[in-house]
Every structure is written in structure tokens, then in C-alpha cells.
Amino acid sequence: MTLAADIFWSFRSPYSYLAIGRYRQLAEDYDVTLNLRPVYPLAVREPNFFERNHPNWLRYTMLDMMRVAAFHNIPFGPPRPDPIVQDIATRKIAADQPYIYRLTRLGQAAARRGKSLAFCHEAAMLIWGGAQNWHEGDHLKGAAERAGLDLAELDAEAASDATALDAEIAENQAALEASGHWGVPTLVFNEEPFFGQDRIDMAIWRMEQNGLKRRG
């Protein structure tokens, strides 16, 4: 029997990026369907979140995400541009956000086609893997093609059906919170949330208790 789990994920979260390649490998190695459900990041949902954090939060997060990338041998670099326009010094979020709405709607359009895990992984490797100006040229077009999708088709849907896509994204967020967590990345299996890039092995362990088998 093929198992199924949901993954709640954000394009702005470095830990989401650091997890997604391993999520994708999990889906390739095991008889499990992983439904990636994109959500808007905290910077959109709670713009003052960063201003409330401890002063050490940013420095430690930067240190830790680079350490995680090195430990797992994952290409990693600061996004250029950042999916969220933000003054890092003051942590203030800009009112105009030209990237994150497009990206998240593209991810949800890919989810409608059952290919969000592949698309979000390919796009995240551009954003967080060191590509300059990932939003320009053929970068995202290539990411979509590698996921078996057409970027022009996704972009057209993201523009023409934005309201419905945003409603689906809001449903994803509600489902994440109903699972018992609020942050990303979170894998939810049998209503049990596994938050963070460091809980993937534990999620596999739990699914194996429920009959998870390797493919082949």
C-alpha cells in the first residue's frame, strides 16, 4: 500500500530548501506520495515577526543554516534577490513584494498538477543554491521544465486565477496549523507533524512503523 504525507513548505525558508532535496529523495526511494503544499512565509503572514525576535536570532540562524548545508553537502548561498524584500538591518518588511506571491502561486499551480515537490525543489535550488537573478532569463523556465511543467502555463494561471490559488494556499496554512504546528518545513503523516529539516529520519521511522517500504 502506498502511503501518503503532506509537506508544508515556503520559498523563503532556508530550512525548507535544506529539507526539500531529501524529501524528494524520500519519495523516490520509498513507496510514498508526498504532497507539497506551499504556504506564504511569516514575512507575509506576520510582518512584525522578525522585529520581535531575540537579537541573536539572525546571527545564529545564518550560522546554523550554513552548517546544515555543509553537513549534508547541499549547495547554499544567499538568495539574489531574496524572495522577500526586507531590510536585514532593521528587519522591516517592504510593502511591495514582487517575488513571493508569484513564486507561491506557481508552487500551488504545480500542486494542482501533482508536481509541486519537483517544481519547488528545482526552483529552490536556484534561489538558495547561488544562482544570481534567478527571477530573470530562463532560470525558472528551466526549473519548470525539469519538473515536467511549462512556466508560461503556470504563470498564466498564477495571474488569471490568483484569488483561487491564494484561497488554496490559505487552506494549506490552515491545514498546517490544524496538524499541530505552524512553521515550515513540516511533514505531516497520519495527523502527526514532523517539523524541521532534522526530523526527516524520524518521519521515515514512523512511516516504516506503518508499513513504509522501499521501492523496487
Protein backbone atom coordinates (compact mmCIF):
# COMPACT_ATOMS: atom_id res chain seq x y z
CA MET A 1 0.00 0.00 0.00
CA THR A 2 1.34 3.40 -0.98
CA LEU A 3 1.48 5.75 2.00
CA ALA A 4 0.83 9.50 1.75
CA ALA A 5 2.01 12.55 3.66
CA ASP A 6 1.73 16.31 3.32
CA ILE A 7 4.67 18.70 3.32
CA PHE A 8 4.10 22.33 4.27
CA TRP A 9 6.81 24.46 2.77
CA SER A 10 7.87 28.04 1.95
CA PHE A 11 10.10 29.51 -0.75
CA ARG A 12 11.60 32.00 1.76
CA SER A 13 12.52 29.43 4.40
CA PRO A 14 16.19 28.34 4.16
CA TYR A 15 15.34 25.24 6.17
CA SER A 16 12.59 24.38 3.68
CA TYR A 17 15.26 24.47 0.97
CA LEU A 18 17.65 22.41 3.08
CA ALA A 19 14.95 19.75 3.50
CA ILE A 20 13.33 19.56 0.09
CA GLY A 21 16.03 17.59 -1.70
CA ARG A 22 15.82 14.93 0.99
CA TYR A 23 12.02 14.94 0.80
CA ARG A 24 12.27 14.39 -2.94
CA GLN A 25 14.77 11.56 -2.44
CA LEU A 26 12.42 10.03 0.12
CA ALA A 27 9.62 9.97 -2.46
CA GLU A 28 11.95 8.36 -4.99
CA ASP A 29 13.33 5.73 -2.63
CA TYR A 30 10.14 4.74 -0.82
CA ASP A 31 6.59 3.84 -1.79
CA VAL A 32 5.09 7.08 -0.52
CA THR A 33 3.30 10.03 -2.10
CA LEU A 34 4.44 13.37 -0.72
CA ASN A 35 2.04 16.24 -1.38
CA LEU A 36 3.93 19.50 -1.10
CA ARG A 37 1.54 22.28 -0.05
CA PRO A 38 3.15 25.72 -0.29
CA VAL A 39 2.36 28.44 2.24
CA TYR A 40 3.22 32.12 2.42
CA PRO A 41 6.18 32.83 4.73
CA LEU A 42 5.95 34.53 8.09
CA ALA A 43 7.22 37.72 6.48
CA VAL A 44 3.88 37.92 4.64
CA ARG A 45 1.61 36.48 7.32
CA GLU A 46 3.24 38.21 10.31
CA PRO A 47 5.44 41.11 9.09
CA ASN A 48 6.49 42.08 12.63
CA PHE A 49 7.65 38.54 13.49
CA PHE A 50 11.31 39.34 12.87
CA GLU A 51 11.22 42.54 14.91
CA ARG A 52 10.01 40.54 17.93
CA ASN A 53 12.84 38.01 17.82
CA HIS A 54 15.85 37.91 20.13
CA PRO A 55 18.81 39.93 18.79
CA ASN A 56 20.85 36.72 18.48
CA TRP A 57 18.23 35.04 16.29
CA LEU A 58 19.50 36.23 12.90
CA ARG A 59 23.18 35.53 13.57
CA TYR A 60 22.51 32.04 14.89
CA THR A 61 20.12 31.20 12.05
CA MET A 62 22.74 32.25 9.47
CA LEU A 63 25.41 30.16 11.19
CA ASP A 64 23.15 27.14 11.53
CA MET A 65 21.75 27.05 8.01
CA MET A 66 25.26 27.24 6.53
CA ARG A 67 26.34 24.46 8.89
CA VAL A 68 23.40 22.26 7.89
CA ALA A 69 24.18 22.83 4.21
CA ALA A 70 27.82 21.89 4.71
CA PHE A 71 26.92 18.83 6.80
CA HIS A 72 24.59 17.49 4.10
CA ASN A 73 26.74 18.74 1.19
CA ILE A 74 23.90 20.91 -0.16
CA PRO A 75 24.87 23.88 -2.40
CA PHE A 76 23.92 27.01 -0.49
CA GLY A 77 24.17 30.74 -0.96
CA PRO A 78 22.22 33.85 -0.02
CA PRO A 79 19.31 34.38 -2.40
CA ARG A 80 19.90 37.03 -5.05
CA PRO A 81 17.34 38.52 -4.90
CA ASP A 82 15.70 37.47 -1.64
CA PRO A 83 12.15 36.16 -2.27
CA ILE A 84 11.08 38.65 0.41
CA VAL A 85 12.13 42.28 0.10
CA GLN A 86 13.34 43.12 3.59
CA ASP A 87 15.82 45.47 5.26
CA ILE A 88 18.01 42.94 7.06
CA ALA A 89 19.49 45.60 9.36
CA THR A 90 16.12 46.76 10.68
CA ARG A 91 14.24 43.52 9.82
CA LYS A 92 11.45 45.67 8.34
CA ILE A 93 9.42 44.03 5.57
CA ALA A 94 8.76 46.16 2.47
CA ALA A 95 5.18 46.86 1.48
CA ASP A 96 5.87 45.90 -2.14
CA GLN A 97 6.69 42.23 -2.62
CA PRO A 98 7.29 41.44 -6.31
CA TYR A 99 8.59 37.86 -5.92
CA ILE A 100 6.96 35.82 -3.17
CA TYR A 101 3.37 35.98 -4.44
CA ARG A 102 4.36 34.83 -7.90
CA LEU A 103 6.54 32.03 -6.55
CA THR A 104 3.98 30.69 -4.10
CA ARG A 105 1.18 30.81 -6.65
CA LEU A 106 3.42 28.98 -9.12
CA GLY A 107 4.05 26.35 -6.46
CA GLN A 108 0.33 25.94 -5.85
CA ALA A 109 -0.38 25.75 -9.59
CA ALA A 110 2.22 22.97 -9.71
CA ALA A 111 0.46 21.29 -6.77
CA ARG A 112 -2.75 21.23 -8.81
CA ARG A 113 -0.80 19.09 -11.28
CA GLY A 114 0.75 16.84 -8.64
CA LYS A 115 4.24 18.20 -9.32
CA SER A 116 4.83 20.74 -6.57
CA LEU A 117 7.59 18.73 -4.89
CA ALA A 118 9.64 18.60 -8.08
CA PHE A 119 8.95 22.20 -9.11
CA CYS A 120 9.62 23.71 -5.69
CA HIS A 121 12.84 21.71 -5.38
CA GLU A 122 14.08 22.85 -8.79
CA ALA A 123 13.16 26.48 -8.10
CA ALA A 124 14.62 26.42 -4.59
CA MET A 125 17.94 25.15 -5.93
CA LEU A 126 18.12 28.34 -8.00
CA ILE A 127 17.02 30.68 -5.22
CA TRP A 128 19.14 29.21 -2.42
CA GLY A 129 21.80 27.41 -4.42
CA GLY A 130 23.68 30.52 -5.51
CA ALA A 131 22.06 31.48 -8.83
CA GLN A 132 22.19 35.22 -9.48
CA ASN A 133 18.98 36.85 -10.71
CA TRP A 134 17.03 33.59 -10.52
CA HIS A 135 13.87 35.54 -11.41
CA GLU A 136 15.21 36.64 -14.79
CA GLY A 137 16.01 34.95 -18.09
CA ASP A 138 15.29 31.24 -18.43
CA HIS A 139 16.10 30.22 -14.84
CA LEU A 140 12.55 29.47 -13.70
CA LYS A 141 11.59 28.23 -17.16
CA GLY A 142 14.30 25.59 -16.87
CA ALA A 143 13.21 24.69 -13.35
CA ALA A 144 9.66 24.15 -14.55
CA GLU A 145 10.83 22.03 -17.48
CA ARG A 146 12.95 19.84 -15.20
CA ALA A 147 9.79 19.26 -13.15
CA GLY A 148 7.80 18.36 -16.27
CA LEU A 149 5.92 21.66 -16.37
CA ASP A 150 5.55 24.70 -18.60
CA LEU A 151 6.37 28.01 -16.89
CA ALA A 152 4.29 30.11 -19.28
CA GLU A 153 1.25 27.97 -18.48
CA LEU A 154 1.89 28.23 -14.73
CA ASP A 155 2.45 31.99 -14.90
CA ALA A 156 -0.74 32.49 -16.88
CA GLU A 157 -2.68 30.53 -14.28
CA ALA A 158 -1.00 32.37 -11.41
CA ALA A 159 -2.14 35.66 -12.93
CA SER A 160 -5.64 34.71 -14.05
CA ASP A 161 -6.57 32.54 -11.07
CA ALA A 162 -4.70 34.35 -8.29
CA THR A 163 -7.70 34.62 -5.97
CA ALA A 164 -8.46 30.90 -6.09
CA LEU A 165 -4.79 29.99 -5.72
CA ASP A 166 -4.47 32.25 -2.69
CA ALA A 167 -7.54 30.58 -1.18
CA GLU A 168 -5.88 27.17 -1.67
CA ILE A 169 -2.66 28.49 -0.12
CA ALA A 170 -4.68 29.75 2.86
CA GLU A 171 -6.20 26.26 3.15
CA ASN A 172 -2.67 24.85 3.23
CA GLN A 173 -1.80 27.15 6.11
CA ALA A 174 -4.98 26.21 7.97
CA ALA A 175 -4.20 22.51 7.47
CA LEU A 176 -0.66 23.05 8.79
CA GLU A 177 -1.98 24.70 11.94
CA ALA A 178 -4.66 22.03 12.35
CA SER A 179 -1.88 19.42 12.33
CA GLY A 180 -0.45 20.92 15.50
CA HIS A 181 2.34 23.09 14.13
CA TRP A 182 2.71 26.46 12.43
CA GLY A 183 6.18 26.55 10.91
CA VAL A 184 7.92 25.15 7.86
CA PRO A 185 9.13 22.76 6.74
CA THR A 186 6.67 20.37 8.35
CA LEU A 187 5.87 16.86 7.14
CA VAL A 188 2.50 15.58 8.37
CA PHE A 189 1.82 11.85 8.36
CA ASN A 190 -1.34 10.38 9.90
CA GLU A 191 -2.07 13.76 11.51
CA GLU A 192 1.34 13.77 13.25
CA PRO A 193 3.59 16.74 12.42
CA PHE A 194 7.36 16.43 11.98
CA PHE A 195 8.72 19.98 12.00
CA GLY A 196 12.15 20.86 10.68
CA GLN A 197 14.82 19.56 8.34
CA ASP A 198 16.19 17.49 11.24
CA ARG A 199 13.06 15.37 11.64
CA ILE A 200 13.09 13.61 8.27
CA ASP A 201 14.67 10.39 9.57
CA MET A 202 12.16 10.31 12.40
CA ALA A 203 9.29 10.73 9.92
CA ILE A 204 10.67 7.78 7.92
CA TRP A 205 10.88 5.75 11.13
CA ARG A 206 7.23 6.50 11.90
CA MET A 207 6.11 5.65 8.37
CA GLU A 208 8.08 2.38 8.49
CA GLN A 209 6.07 1.51 11.59
CA ASN A 210 3.03 1.92 9.35
CA GLY A 211 4.25 -0.24 6.51
CA LEU A 212 6.54 2.06 4.51
CA LYS A 213 8.59 0.03 2.02
CA ARG A 214 11.44 0.86 -0.28
CA ARG A 215 10.70 0.93 -3.97
CA GLY A 216 11.99 -1.86 -6.18
